[in-house]
N, C-alpha and C. Protein backbone atom coordinates (compact mmCIF):
# COMPACT_ATOMS: atom_id res chain seq x y z
N MET A 1 13.37 21.11 -17.57
CA MET A 1 12.00 21.06 -17.13
C MET A 1 11.54 22.42 -16.64
N THR A 2 10.28 22.66 -16.78
CA THR A 2 9.74 23.91 -16.27
C THR A 2 9.48 23.79 -14.77
N ASP A 3 9.22 24.92 -14.17
CA ASP A 3 8.90 24.92 -12.74
C ASP A 3 7.68 24.07 -12.44
N ALA A 4 6.66 24.12 -13.31
CA ALA A 4 5.45 23.33 -13.10
C ALA A 4 5.75 21.84 -13.17
N HIS A 5 6.56 21.44 -14.12
CA HIS A 5 6.93 20.03 -14.23
C HIS A 5 7.75 19.58 -13.02
N ASP A 6 8.64 20.44 -12.57
CA ASP A 6 9.44 20.13 -11.38
C ASP A 6 8.54 19.95 -10.16
N ALA A 7 7.56 20.84 -10.03
CA ALA A 7 6.64 20.76 -8.90
C ALA A 7 5.83 19.48 -8.95
N ILE A 8 5.32 19.12 -10.11
CA ILE A 8 4.54 17.90 -10.26
C ILE A 8 5.38 16.68 -9.91
N ALA A 9 6.61 16.64 -10.38
CA ALA A 9 7.50 15.53 -10.08
C ALA A 9 7.77 15.45 -8.57
N ARG A 10 7.97 16.59 -7.96
CA ARG A 10 8.22 16.63 -6.52
C ARG A 10 7.00 16.15 -5.74
N TYR A 11 5.79 16.60 -6.14
CA TYR A 11 4.57 16.18 -5.46
C TYR A 11 4.34 14.69 -5.62
N ARG A 12 4.62 14.16 -6.80
CA ARG A 12 4.44 12.71 -7.01
C ARG A 12 5.42 11.91 -6.14
N LYS A 13 6.65 12.38 -6.05
CA LYS A 13 7.63 11.71 -5.20
C LYS A 13 7.20 11.78 -3.74
N ASN A 14 6.74 12.94 -3.31
CA ASN A 14 6.29 13.08 -1.93
C ASN A 14 5.12 12.15 -1.64
N LEU A 15 4.18 12.05 -2.57
CA LEU A 15 3.04 11.15 -2.40
C LEU A 15 3.53 9.71 -2.27
N GLN A 16 4.43 9.30 -3.14
CA GLN A 16 4.94 7.92 -3.06
C GLN A 16 5.67 7.69 -1.75
N ASP A 17 6.41 8.68 -1.29
CA ASP A 17 7.10 8.55 0.00
C ASP A 17 6.11 8.35 1.13
N GLU A 18 4.99 9.08 1.11
CA GLU A 18 3.96 8.93 2.14
C GLU A 18 3.35 7.53 2.09
N ILE A 19 3.06 7.04 0.90
CA ILE A 19 2.49 5.70 0.73
C ILE A 19 3.48 4.64 1.22
N ASP A 20 4.73 4.79 0.84
CA ASP A 20 5.76 3.84 1.25
C ASP A 20 5.95 3.84 2.77
N SER A 21 5.94 5.02 3.36
CA SER A 21 6.10 5.13 4.81
C SER A 21 4.95 4.46 5.54
N ALA A 22 3.74 4.69 5.07
CA ALA A 22 2.57 4.06 5.69
C ALA A 22 2.68 2.54 5.63
N ALA A 23 3.09 2.02 4.49
CA ALA A 23 3.24 0.57 4.35
C ALA A 23 4.32 0.04 5.29
N LEU A 24 5.41 0.76 5.40
CA LEU A 24 6.49 0.35 6.29
C LEU A 24 6.00 0.31 7.74
N TYR A 25 5.32 1.37 8.18
CA TYR A 25 4.83 1.42 9.56
C TYR A 25 3.80 0.32 9.82
N ARG A 26 2.94 0.02 8.86
CA ARG A 26 1.97 -1.06 9.03
C ARG A 26 2.69 -2.41 9.15
N GLY A 27 3.72 -2.60 8.34
CA GLY A 27 4.50 -3.83 8.43
C GLY A 27 5.21 -3.96 9.77
N LEU A 28 5.77 -2.86 10.24
CA LEU A 28 6.42 -2.89 11.55
C LEU A 28 5.41 -3.18 12.65
N ALA A 29 4.22 -2.62 12.54
CA ALA A 29 3.17 -2.86 13.54
C ALA A 29 2.79 -4.34 13.56
N GLU A 30 2.69 -4.95 12.39
CA GLU A 30 2.32 -6.36 12.33
C GLU A 30 3.39 -7.25 12.97
N ALA A 31 4.64 -6.87 12.85
CA ALA A 31 5.74 -7.67 13.37
C ALA A 31 6.05 -7.38 14.84
N GLU A 32 5.54 -6.28 15.35
CA GLU A 32 5.88 -5.84 16.70
C GLU A 32 5.13 -6.65 17.76
N ARG A 33 5.86 -7.10 18.76
CA ARG A 33 5.26 -7.87 19.85
C ARG A 33 4.72 -6.98 20.97
N SER A 34 5.34 -5.83 21.13
CA SER A 34 4.91 -4.92 22.19
C SER A 34 3.64 -4.19 21.77
N PRO A 35 2.56 -4.33 22.53
CA PRO A 35 1.31 -3.63 22.18
C PRO A 35 1.48 -2.11 22.11
N LYS A 36 2.30 -1.57 23.00
CA LYS A 36 2.50 -0.11 23.00
C LYS A 36 3.21 0.34 21.73
N LEU A 37 4.27 -0.37 21.35
CA LEU A 37 4.99 -0.01 20.12
C LEU A 37 4.13 -0.28 18.90
N ARG A 38 3.36 -1.35 18.92
CA ARG A 38 2.45 -1.65 17.80
C ARG A 38 1.50 -0.48 17.59
N GLU A 39 0.95 0.05 18.67
CA GLU A 39 0.03 1.19 18.58
C GLU A 39 0.74 2.42 18.02
N VAL A 40 1.97 2.65 18.42
CA VAL A 40 2.73 3.78 17.88
C VAL A 40 2.89 3.63 16.37
N PHE A 41 3.28 2.45 15.93
CA PHE A 41 3.46 2.23 14.49
C PHE A 41 2.14 2.39 13.73
N LEU A 42 1.05 1.92 14.32
CA LEU A 42 -0.25 2.08 13.66
C LEU A 42 -0.66 3.55 13.57
N ARG A 43 -0.36 4.31 14.60
CA ARG A 43 -0.67 5.74 14.57
C ARG A 43 0.19 6.46 13.53
N LEU A 44 1.46 6.09 13.44
CA LEU A 44 2.33 6.68 12.42
C LEU A 44 1.82 6.33 11.02
N ALA A 45 1.41 5.08 10.82
CA ALA A 45 0.87 4.67 9.52
C ALA A 45 -0.36 5.49 9.18
N ALA A 46 -1.24 5.68 10.14
CA ALA A 46 -2.46 6.45 9.90
C ALA A 46 -2.13 7.90 9.54
N MET A 47 -1.14 8.46 10.19
CA MET A 47 -0.74 9.84 9.86
C MET A 47 -0.20 9.92 8.45
N GLU A 48 0.63 8.96 8.07
CA GLU A 48 1.19 8.97 6.71
C GLU A 48 0.08 8.78 5.68
N GLU A 49 -0.89 7.93 5.98
CA GLU A 49 -2.03 7.74 5.05
C GLU A 49 -2.84 9.02 4.92
N GLU A 50 -2.99 9.73 6.02
CA GLU A 50 -3.72 11.01 5.96
C GLU A 50 -2.93 12.03 5.13
N HIS A 51 -1.63 12.05 5.29
CA HIS A 51 -0.79 12.94 4.47
C HIS A 51 -0.97 12.61 2.99
N ALA A 52 -0.98 11.32 2.67
CA ALA A 52 -1.13 10.90 1.27
C ALA A 52 -2.50 11.33 0.72
N ARG A 53 -3.54 11.19 1.54
CA ARG A 53 -4.89 11.61 1.10
C ARG A 53 -4.93 13.13 0.84
N PHE A 54 -4.21 13.87 1.66
CA PHE A 54 -4.20 15.33 1.52
C PHE A 54 -3.61 15.71 0.17
């Protein structure tokens, strides 16, 4: 593969990792009983979603 193809593959993997992380944090927030921890998970999810948008 060329450097450009390697970079594209890496960016796609990074994007999927951000999407997957956001989904995980949202799921953890939904299952969390502690309001403080729920808020932490929601903030982490929002950060990962912002990373994915970037």
